Amino acid sequence: MEFTVQVFEETVKYKVVLEGNTANFFQINEEDQTETCVCTQPWKPNPDGTTSDWTSAEEAVEWFQSRF
């Protein structure tokens, strides 16, 4: 699933791939379409400090975008 994140004045394109319960995030270079893994998150961090399984790619994207 591809998505974008606004980083200062720049819009950056990313892709998330769920492999089992691990969310892998890739930054996509728009010039040559290469992908670089920038984050591997093996669980969903919960607000109370516990962890749980990701329920969807959308949930993982929401978490990733909240980091910016």
C-alpha atoms as a PDB file:
ATOM      1  CA  MET A   1       0.000   0.000   0.000  1.00  0.00           C
ATOM      2  CA  GLU A   2       1.514   3.319  -1.065  1.00  0.00           C
ATOM      3  CA  PHE A   3       1.015   6.558   0.860  1.00  0.00           C
ATOM      4  CA  THR A   4       2.633   9.954   1.333  1.00  0.00           C
ATOM      5  CA  VAL A   5       3.944  11.910   4.307  1.00  0.00           C
ATOM      6  CA  GLN A   6       4.490  15.658   4.459  1.00  0.00           C
ATOM      7  CA  VAL A   7       8.024  16.299   5.780  1.00  0.00           C
ATOM      8  CA  PHE A   8       8.575  20.037   6.153  1.00  0.00           C
ATOM      9  CA  GLU A   9       7.986  21.411   2.631  1.00  0.00           C
ATOM     10  CA  GLU A  10       8.377  18.071   0.850  1.00  0.00           C
ATOM     11  CA  THR A  11       5.871  15.290   0.182  1.00  0.00           C
ATOM     12  CA  VAL A  12       7.616  11.929   0.531  1.00  0.00           C
ATOM     13  CA  LYS A  13       6.229   8.722  -0.982  1.00  0.00           C
ATOM     14  CA  TYR A  14       6.281   5.481   1.024  1.00  0.00           C
ATOM     15  CA  LYS A  15       4.991   1.933   0.807  1.00  0.00           C
ATOM     16  CA  VAL A  16       4.029  -0.439   3.620  1.00  0.00           C
ATOM     17  CA  VAL A  17       4.170  -4.224   3.334  1.00  0.00           C
ATOM     18  CA  LEU A  18       2.793  -6.457   6.073  1.00  0.00           C
ATOM     19  CA  GLU A  19       4.723  -9.721   6.319  1.00  0.00           C
ATOM     20  CA  GLY A  20       3.067 -11.842   8.955  1.00  0.00           C
ATOM     21  CA  ASN A  21       2.727  -9.380  11.810  1.00  0.00           C
ATOM     22  CA  THR A  22       5.690  -7.211  10.799  1.00  0.00           C
ATOM     23  CA  ALA A  23       5.109  -3.888   9.064  1.00  0.00           C
ATOM     24  CA  ASN A  24       7.944  -2.943   6.706  1.00  0.00           C
ATOM     25  CA  PHE A  25       8.045   0.654   5.460  1.00  0.00           C
ATOM     26  CA  PHE A  26       9.863   1.619   2.282  1.00  0.00           C
ATOM     27  CA  GLN A  27      10.651   5.101   0.982  1.00  0.00           C
ATOM     28  CA  ILE A  28      10.079   5.304  -2.762  1.00  0.00           C
ATOM     29  CA  ASN A  29      12.452   7.393  -4.878  1.00  0.00           C
ATOM     30  CA  GLU A  30      10.146   8.962  -7.445  1.00  0.00           C
ATOM     31  CA  GLU A  31      12.942   9.509  -9.995  1.00  0.00           C
ATOM     32  CA  ASP A  32      13.911   5.869 -10.463  1.00  0.00           C
ATOM     33  CA  GLN A  33      11.197   4.082  -8.420  1.00  0.00           C
ATOM     34  CA  THR A  34      13.763   2.390  -6.152  1.00  0.00           C
ATOM     35  CA  GLU A  35      12.595   1.412  -2.674  1.00  0.00           C
ATOM     36  CA  THR A  36      14.644   1.716   0.508  1.00  0.00           C
ATOM     37  CA  CYS A  37      13.499   0.076   3.744  1.00  0.00           C
ATOM     38  CA  VAL A  38      13.372   2.830   6.378  1.00  0.00           C
ATOM     39  CA  CYS A  39      11.503   1.107   9.208  1.00  0.00           C
ATOM     40  CA  THR A  40      10.631  -2.409  10.341  1.00  0.00           C
ATOM     41  CA  GLN A  41       8.010  -2.536  13.094  1.00  0.00           C
ATOM     42  CA  PRO A  42       7.276  -6.083  14.344  1.00  0.00           C
ATOM     43  CA  TRP A  43       4.258  -5.104  16.489  1.00  0.00           C
ATOM     44  CA  LYS A  44       1.705  -2.379  17.035  1.00  0.00           C
ATOM     45  CA  PRO A  45       2.743  -0.141  19.937  1.00  0.00           C
ATOM     46  CA  ASN A  46      -0.294   0.601  22.108  1.00  0.00           C
ATOM     47  CA  PRO A  47      -0.733   3.859  24.064  1.00  0.00           C
ATOM     48  CA  ASP A  48      -0.533   1.987  27.391  1.00  0.00           C
ATOM     49  CA  GLY A  49       2.936   0.630  26.590  1.00  0.00           C
ATOM     50  CA  THR A  50       1.803  -2.861  25.593  1.00  0.00           C
ATOM     51  CA  THR A  51       2.008  -4.276  22.082  1.00  0.00           C
ATOM     52  CA  SER A  52      -0.454  -6.094  19.860  1.00  0.00           C
ATOM     53  CA  ASP A  53      -0.783  -7.431  16.326  1.00  0.00           C
ATOM     54  CA  TRP A  54      -1.384  -5.110  13.391  1.00  0.00           C
ATOM     55  CA  THR A  55      -4.928  -5.529  12.105  1.00  0.00           C
ATOM     56  CA  SER A  56      -4.342  -3.908   8.700  1.00  0.00           C
ATOM     57  CA  ALA A  57      -1.902  -2.003   6.512  1.00  0.00           C
ATOM     58  CA  GLU A  58      -4.020   1.120   7.084  1.00  0.00           C
ATOM     59  CA  GLU A  59      -3.448   0.830  10.823  1.00  0.00           C
ATOM     60  CA  ALA A  60       0.315   0.553  10.270  1.00  0.00           C
ATOM     61  CA  VAL A  61       0.280   3.602   7.964  1.00  0.00           C
ATOM     62  CA  GLU A  62      -1.613   5.622  10.571  1.00  0.00           C
ATOM     63  CA  TRP A  63       1.043   4.733  13.162  1.00  0.00           C
ATOM     64  CA  PHE A  64       3.909   5.580  10.765  1.00  0.00           C
ATOM     65  CA  GLN A  65       2.403   8.922   9.750  1.00  0.00           C
ATOM     66  CA  SER A  66       1.925   9.871  13.405  1.00  0.00           C
ATOM     67  CA  ARG A  67       5.713   9.788  13.847  1.00  0.00           C
ATOM     68  CA  PHE A  68       6.125  12.946  11.701  1.00  0.00           C
END
